Amino acid sequence: MAEQKEHVKAYIKVTGHKYAWMLECGGGRLYGDGEGSSCSVNRKLTAIEALADMLGHMKRGVMFDLKINEINIANYINRGFLGKWKQNGWKTVGGARVKYAEEWKKVRFEPHAFRAEYVHDLEIPA
């Protein structure tokens, strides 16, 4: 029988090259924020960096229910692209190099599980 993972509510809000995140588990909340390394306003890259930052604070495997205001990232997670890209040497099915592959490699997805929901006007609970 598969091990049941604790459910954690997670939120990532990207605004330009800045981000904020929040984890809600075990009756407590953990907040973080930062700026993406890109000097341009690249929401997708900033969202990847926010994911890496947030996941760096989780030491045990959990089931994330992620709400994020970056639709591409939600789709990549829900469609299982990240695992497929990793297995395929960070290339797409068509053989092209995955954009931001070096940044994706820094995101520590294992041993976690994810469900992502895109929320256009996301607000992180206070």
N, C-alpha and C. Protein backbone atom coordinates (compact mmCIF):
# COMPACT_ATOMS: atom_id res chain seq x y z
N MET A 1 0.85 -1.19 0.00
CA MET A 1 0.00 0.00 0.00
C MET A 1 0.88 1.24 0.00
N ALA A 2 0.55 2.21 -0.82
CA ALA A 2 1.35 3.43 -0.93
C ALA A 2 1.23 4.27 0.34
N GLU A 3 2.33 4.90 0.70
CA GLU A 3 2.37 5.76 1.87
C GLU A 3 1.55 7.02 1.63
N GLN A 4 0.72 7.39 2.60
CA GLN A 4 -0.05 8.63 2.51
C GLN A 4 0.85 9.80 2.87
N LYS A 5 0.88 10.79 2.03
CA LYS A 5 1.68 11.98 2.29
C LYS A 5 0.81 13.05 2.94
N GLU A 6 1.41 13.82 3.84
CA GLU A 6 0.72 14.95 4.45
C GLU A 6 0.39 15.98 3.36
N HIS A 7 -0.80 16.55 3.44
CA HIS A 7 -1.21 17.58 2.47
C HIS A 7 -0.76 18.94 2.98
N VAL A 8 -0.17 19.71 2.09
CA VAL A 8 0.30 21.06 2.40
C VAL A 8 -0.30 22.01 1.37
N LYS A 9 -0.91 23.07 1.86
CA LYS A 9 -1.39 24.12 0.96
C LYS A 9 -0.21 25.04 0.67
N ALA A 10 -0.01 25.34 -0.60
CA ALA A 10 1.11 26.19 -0.99
C ALA A 10 0.60 27.25 -1.97
N TYR A 11 1.19 28.42 -1.87
CA TYR A 11 0.81 29.54 -2.73
C TYR A 11 2.08 30.20 -3.25
N ILE A 12 2.10 30.51 -4.53
CA ILE A 12 3.19 31.29 -5.12
C ILE A 12 2.57 32.38 -5.97
N LYS A 13 2.95 33.62 -5.65
CA LYS A 13 2.49 34.78 -6.42
C LYS A 13 3.70 35.46 -7.03
N VAL A 14 3.66 35.61 -8.35
CA VAL A 14 4.74 36.27 -9.08
C VAL A 14 4.24 37.61 -9.58
N THR A 15 5.01 38.64 -9.31
CA THR A 15 4.71 39.99 -9.79
C THR A 15 5.99 40.54 -10.41
N GLY A 16 6.03 40.58 -11.74
CA GLY A 16 7.27 41.01 -12.40
C GLY A 16 8.40 40.07 -12.08
N HIS A 17 9.49 40.60 -11.54
CA HIS A 17 10.62 39.74 -11.18
C HIS A 17 10.67 39.46 -9.67
N LYS A 18 9.58 39.77 -8.96
CA LYS A 18 9.49 39.49 -7.52
C LYS A 18 8.48 38.38 -7.29
N TYR A 19 8.67 37.68 -6.17
CA TYR A 19 7.74 36.61 -5.82
C TYR A 19 7.52 36.56 -4.32
N ALA A 20 6.39 35.94 -3.96
CA ALA A 20 6.08 35.64 -2.55
C ALA A 20 5.48 34.25 -2.52
N TRP A 21 5.75 33.53 -1.44
CA TRP A 21 5.17 32.20 -1.30
C TRP A 21 4.74 31.98 0.15
N MET A 22 3.86 31.01 0.34
CA MET A 22 3.41 30.64 1.67
C MET A 22 3.10 29.15 1.70
N LEU A 23 3.50 28.49 2.76
CA LEU A 23 3.18 27.09 3.01
C LEU A 23 2.29 27.02 4.24
N GLU A 24 1.26 26.20 4.19
CA GLU A 24 0.34 26.04 5.30
C GLU A 24 0.25 24.56 5.64
N CYS A 25 0.80 24.18 6.79
CA CYS A 25 0.76 22.78 7.19
C CYS A 25 0.88 22.66 8.71
N GLY A 26 0.32 21.60 9.22
CA GLY A 26 0.42 21.33 10.65
C GLY A 26 -0.06 22.47 11.53
N GLY A 27 -1.02 23.25 11.05
CA GLY A 27 -1.55 24.35 11.84
C GLY A 27 -0.70 25.62 11.80
N GLY A 28 0.40 25.58 11.08
CA GLY A 28 1.26 26.76 11.00
C GLY A 28 1.45 27.24 9.57
N ARG A 29 2.06 28.40 9.45
CA ARG A 29 2.34 28.98 8.14
C ARG A 29 3.80 29.43 8.08
N LEU A 30 4.35 29.28 6.90
CA LEU A 30 5.71 29.73 6.63
C LEU A 30 5.66 30.59 5.38
N TYR A 31 6.21 31.79 5.47
CA TYR A 31 6.20 32.74 4.36
C TYR A 31 7.61 32.98 3.85
N GLY A 32 7.70 33.32 2.58
CA GLY A 32 8.97 33.71 2.00
C GLY A 32 8.74 34.61 0.80
N ASP A 33 9.78 35.34 0.44
CA ASP A 33 9.69 36.18 -0.76
C ASP A 33 11.09 36.40 -1.29
N GLY A 34 11.16 36.96 -2.47
CA GLY A 34 12.45 37.22 -3.07
C GLY A 34 12.31 37.84 -4.44
N GLU A 35 13.45 37.98 -5.08
CA GLU A 35 13.50 38.51 -6.43
C GLU A 35 14.15 37.48 -7.33
N GLY A 36 13.63 37.35 -8.53
CA GLY A 36 14.24 36.47 -9.49
C GLY A 36 15.60 37.00 -9.91
N SER A 37 16.45 36.14 -10.39
CA SER A 37 17.80 36.54 -10.77
C SER A 37 17.81 37.30 -12.10
N SER A 38 16.74 37.18 -12.85
CA SER A 38 16.67 37.84 -14.15
C SER A 38 16.37 39.33 -13.96
N CYS A 39 17.12 40.16 -14.67
CA CYS A 39 16.85 41.60 -14.58
C CYS A 39 15.65 41.98 -15.42
N SER A 40 15.22 41.09 -16.30
CA SER A 40 14.02 41.37 -17.08
C SER A 40 12.79 40.91 -16.30
N VAL A 41 11.64 41.31 -16.75
CA VAL A 41 10.40 40.90 -16.11
C VAL A 41 9.97 39.58 -16.76
N ASN A 42 10.50 38.47 -16.27
CA ASN A 42 10.22 37.16 -16.83
C ASN A 42 9.49 36.34 -15.78
N ARG A 43 8.18 36.34 -15.84
CA ARG A 43 7.37 35.68 -14.82
C ARG A 43 7.65 34.19 -14.72
N LYS A 44 7.84 33.52 -15.85
CA LYS A 44 8.05 32.08 -15.82
C LYS A 44 9.34 31.74 -15.07
N LEU A 45 10.42 32.43 -15.39
CA LEU A 45 11.70 32.19 -14.72
C LEU A 45 11.60 32.53 -13.24
N THR A 46 10.96 33.63 -12.91
CA THR A 46 10.78 34.01 -11.51
C THR A 46 9.97 32.96 -10.76
N ALA A 47 8.95 32.39 -11.40
CA ALA A 47 8.13 31.35 -10.76
C ALA A 47 8.95 30.09 -10.50
N ILE A 48 9.84 29.73 -11.41
CA ILE A 48 10.72 28.58 -11.20
C ILE A 48 11.62 28.83 -9.99
N GLU A 49 12.17 30.03 -9.91
CA GLU A 49 13.03 30.38 -8.77
C GLU A 49 12.25 30.40 -7.46
N ALA A 50 11.00 30.83 -7.50
CA ALA A 50 10.15 30.81 -6.31
C ALA A 50 9.89 29.37 -5.86
N LEU A 51 9.63 28.48 -6.81
CA LEU A 51 9.43 27.06 -6.48
C LEU A 51 10.67 26.48 -5.80
N ALA A 52 11.84 26.77 -6.35
CA ALA A 52 13.08 26.26 -5.78
C ALA A 52 13.26 26.78 -4.35
N ASP A 53 13.00 28.06 -4.14
CA ASP A 53 13.13 28.66 -2.81
C ASP A 53 12.16 28.00 -1.84
N MET A 54 10.90 27.90 -2.22
CA MET A 54 9.88 27.33 -1.35
C MET A 54 10.19 25.88 -0.99
N LEU A 55 10.54 25.07 -2.00
CA LEU A 55 10.79 23.65 -1.74
C LEU A 55 12.05 23.44 -0.91
N GLY A 56 12.95 24.38 -0.94
CA GLY A 56 14.15 24.29 -0.10
C GLY A 56 13.84 24.32 1.38
N HIS A 57 12.63 24.71 1.74
CA HIS A 57 12.23 24.77 3.15
C HIS A 57 11.50 23.51 3.61
N MET A 58 11.28 22.55 2.72
CA MET A 58 10.58 21.32 3.08
C MET A 58 11.58 20.17 3.16
N LYS A 59 11.65 19.55 4.31
CA LYS A 59 12.62 18.48 4.53
C LYS A 59 12.03 17.09 4.32
N ARG A 60 10.71 16.95 4.44
CA ARG A 60 10.09 15.64 4.27
C ARG A 60 9.14 15.69 3.08
N GLY A 61 8.86 14.54 2.52
CA GLY A 61 7.98 14.47 1.37
C GLY A 61 6.53 14.74 1.74
N VAL A 62 5.87 15.60 0.99
CA VAL A 62 4.48 15.95 1.24
C VAL A 62 3.73 16.01 -0.09
N MET A 63 2.41 16.13 0.00
CA MET A 63 1.56 16.35 -1.15
C MET A 63 1.20 17.83 -1.18
N PHE A 64 1.70 18.54 -2.17
CA PHE A 64 1.43 19.97 -2.30
C PHE A 64 0.17 20.21 -3.09
N ASP A 65 -0.71 21.03 -2.55
CA ASP A 65 -1.83 21.59 -3.28
C ASP A 65 -1.42 23.03 -3.54
N LEU A 66 -0.85 23.26 -4.72
CA LEU A 66 -0.24 24.54 -5.06
C LEU A 66 -1.19 25.43 -5.84
N LYS A 67 -1.33 26.65 -5.40
CA LYS A 67 -2.03 27.69 -6.16
C LYS A 67 -0.96 28.66 -6.63
N ILE A 68 -0.96 28.97 -7.92
CA ILE A 68 0.08 29.81 -8.51
C ILE A 68 -0.52 30.69 -9.59
N ASN A 69 0.01 31.89 -9.75
CA ASN A 69 -0.54 32.80 -10.76
C ASN A 69 0.31 32.80 -12.04
N GLU A 70 0.97 31.70 -12.31
CA GLU A 70 1.75 31.53 -13.55
C GLU A 70 1.21 30.27 -14.22
N ILE A 71 0.41 30.45 -15.27
CA ILE A 71 -0.32 29.33 -15.89
C ILE A 71 0.62 28.28 -16.47
N ASN A 72 1.71 28.69 -17.08
CA ASN A 72 2.62 27.71 -17.69
C ASN A 72 3.20 26.76 -16.65
N ILE A 73 3.59 27.29 -15.51
CA ILE A 73 4.17 26.44 -14.46
C ILE A 73 3.13 25.45 -13.95
N ALA A 74 1.89 25.92 -13.74
CA ALA A 74 0.82 25.01 -13.30
C ALA A 74 0.62 23.90 -14.33
N ASN A 75 0.62 24.24 -15.60
CA ASN A 75 0.43 23.24 -16.65
C ASN A 75 1.61 22.26 -16.70
N TYR A 76 2.83 22.73 -16.59
CA TYR A 76 4.00 21.84 -16.61
C TYR A 76 3.92 20.82 -15.48
N ILE A 77 3.52 21.28 -14.29
CA ILE A 77 3.41 20.38 -13.14
C ILE A 77 2.30 19.36 -13.36
N ASN A 78 1.11 19.83 -13.72
CA ASN A 78 -0.04 18.94 -13.85
C ASN A 78 0.09 17.94 -14.99
N ARG A 79 0.80 18.28 -16.02
CA ARG A 79 0.96 17.38 -17.17
C ARG A 79 2.18 16.48 -17.04
N GLY A 80 2.91 16.59 -15.95
CA GLY A 80 4.05 15.71 -15.71
C GLY A 80 5.25 16.00 -16.59
N PHE A 81 5.33 17.19 -17.15
CA PHE A 81 6.44 17.53 -18.05
C PHE A 81 7.79 17.46 -17.36
N LEU A 82 7.85 17.85 -16.10
CA LEU A 82 9.14 17.94 -15.43
C LEU A 82 9.83 16.58 -15.35
N GLY A 83 9.08 15.56 -14.98
CA GLY A 83 9.65 14.22 -14.93
C GLY A 83 10.05 13.72 -16.32
N LYS A 84 9.22 14.03 -17.31
CA LYS A 84 9.52 13.62 -18.68
C LYS A 84 10.76 14.31 -19.19
N TRP A 85 10.89 15.61 -18.92
CA TRP A 85 12.07 16.35 -19.37
C TRP A 85 13.34 15.78 -18.74
N LYS A 86 13.26 15.49 -17.45
CA LYS A 86 14.42 14.96 -16.73
C LYS A 86 14.84 13.61 -17.33
N GLN A 87 13.86 12.73 -17.56
CA GLN A 87 14.15 11.42 -18.16
C GLN A 87 14.71 11.55 -19.56
N ASN A 88 14.34 12.61 -20.26
CA ASN A 88 14.74 12.80 -21.65
C ASN A 88 15.98 13.69 -21.78
N GLY A 89 16.75 13.82 -20.68
CA GLY A 89 17.97 14.62 -20.74
C GLY A 89 17.71 16.10 -20.92
N TRP A 90 16.59 16.60 -20.35
CA TRP A 90 16.20 18.00 -20.41
C TRP A 90 15.97 18.46 -21.84
N LYS A 91 15.33 17.56 -22.60
CA LYS A 91 14.90 17.87 -23.95
C LYS A 91 13.41 17.58 -24.05
N THR A 92 12.73 18.32 -24.92
CA THR A 92 11.31 18.11 -25.14
C THR A 92 11.11 16.85 -25.98
N VAL A 93 9.87 16.42 -26.14
CA VAL A 93 9.57 15.26 -26.96
C VAL A 93 10.09 15.47 -28.38
N GLY A 94 10.05 16.71 -28.85
CA GLY A 94 10.55 17.03 -30.19
C GLY A 94 12.07 17.14 -30.27
N GLY A 95 12.77 16.98 -29.15
CA GLY A 95 14.22 17.01 -29.14
C GLY A 95 14.85 18.37 -28.87
N ALA A 96 14.02 19.40 -28.69
CA ALA A 96 14.54 20.73 -28.39
C ALA A 96 14.96 20.81 -26.92
N ARG A 97 15.94 21.64 -26.65
CA ARG A 97 16.40 21.85 -25.29
C ARG A 97 15.30 22.56 -24.49
N VAL A 98 15.04 22.11 -23.28
CA VAL A 98 14.02 22.71 -22.43
C VAL A 98 14.50 24.10 -22.01
N LYS A 99 13.64 25.09 -22.22
CA LYS A 99 13.96 26.45 -21.82
C LYS A 99 14.07 26.51 -20.29
N TYR A 100 15.09 27.15 -19.80
CA TYR A 100 15.37 27.29 -18.36
C TYR A 100 15.71 25.96 -17.70
N ALA A 101 16.29 25.04 -18.45
CA ALA A 101 16.63 23.72 -17.90
C ALA A 101 17.53 23.83 -16.68
N GLU A 102 18.50 24.72 -16.70
CA GLU A 102 19.41 24.85 -15.56
C GLU A 102 18.65 25.29 -14.31
N GLU A 103 17.68 26.16 -14.47
CA GLU A 103 16.87 26.60 -13.33
C GLU A 103 15.96 25.47 -12.84
N TRP A 104 15.36 24.71 -13.78
CA TRP A 104 14.50 23.59 -13.39
C TRP A 104 15.29 22.55 -12.62
N LYS A 105 16.54 22.34 -12.96
CA LYS A 105 17.36 21.34 -12.27
C LYS A 105 17.56 21.70 -10.80
N LYS A 106 17.42 22.96 -10.44
CA LYS A 106 17.59 23.41 -9.05
C LYS A 106 16.34 23.19 -8.21
N VAL A 107 15.23 22.87 -8.85
CA VAL A 107 13.97 22.66 -8.13
C VAL A 107 13.94 21.22 -7.64
N ARG A 108 13.90 21.06 -6.33
CA ARG A 108 13.96 19.75 -5.70
C ARG A 108 12.54 19.19 -5.52
N PHE A 109 12.02 18.57 -6.59
CA PHE A 109 10.65 18.05 -6.56
C PHE A 109 10.54 16.77 -5.74
N GLU A 110 11.52 15.88 -5.83
CA GLU A 110 11.46 14.65 -5.05
C GLU A 110 11.78 14.98 -3.60
N PRO A 111 11.12 14.38 -2.66
CA PRO A 111 10.18 13.26 -2.70
C PRO A 111 8.72 13.72 -2.65
N HIS A 112 8.44 14.89 -3.15
CA HIS A 112 7.11 15.48 -3.05
C HIS A 112 6.18 15.05 -4.20
N ALA A 113 4.89 15.26 -3.98
CA ALA A 113 3.88 15.10 -5.02
C ALA A 113 3.15 16.44 -5.14
N PHE A 114 2.61 16.70 -6.32
CA PHE A 114 2.03 18.02 -6.59
C PHE A 114 0.71 17.95 -7.32
N ARG A 115 -0.15 18.91 -6.99
CA ARG A 115 -1.29 19.30 -7.78
C ARG A 115 -1.19 20.81 -7.86
N ALA A 116 -1.33 21.35 -9.05
CA ALA A 116 -1.22 22.80 -9.20
C ALA A 116 -2.49 23.36 -9.80
N GLU A 117 -2.84 24.53 -9.32
CA GLU A 117 -4.01 25.23 -9.83
C GLU A 117 -3.58 26.65 -10.19
N TYR A 118 -3.91 27.05 -11.40
CA TYR A 118 -3.66 28.42 -11.83
C TYR A 118 -4.76 29.31 -11.29
N VAL A 119 -4.36 30.40 -10.63
CA VAL A 119 -5.30 31.39 -10.11
C VAL A 119 -4.82 32.75 -10.58
N HIS A 120 -5.55 33.35 -11.51
CA HIS A 120 -5.11 34.60 -12.14
C HIS A 120 -4.87 35.71 -11.11
N ASP A 121 -5.84 36.01 -10.28
CA ASP A 121 -5.73 37.10 -9.30
C ASP A 121 -5.42 36.54 -7.91
N LEU A 122 -4.40 35.74 -7.82
CA LEU A 122 -4.05 35.08 -6.57
C LEU A 122 -3.64 36.07 -5.49
N GLU A 123 -4.17 35.87 -4.32
CA GLU A 123 -3.73 36.59 -3.14
C GLU A 123 -3.30 35.56 -2.11
N ILE A 124 -2.17 35.78 -1.50
CA ILE A 124 -1.66 34.86 -0.49
C ILE A 124 -2.35 35.18 0.83
N PRO A 125 -2.93 34.16 1.49
CA PRO A 125 -3.61 34.42 2.77
C PRO A 125 -2.67 35.06 3.80
N ALA A 126 -3.23 35.98 4.57
CA ALA A 126 -2.44 36.65 5.62
C ALA A 126 -2.43 35.82 6.88
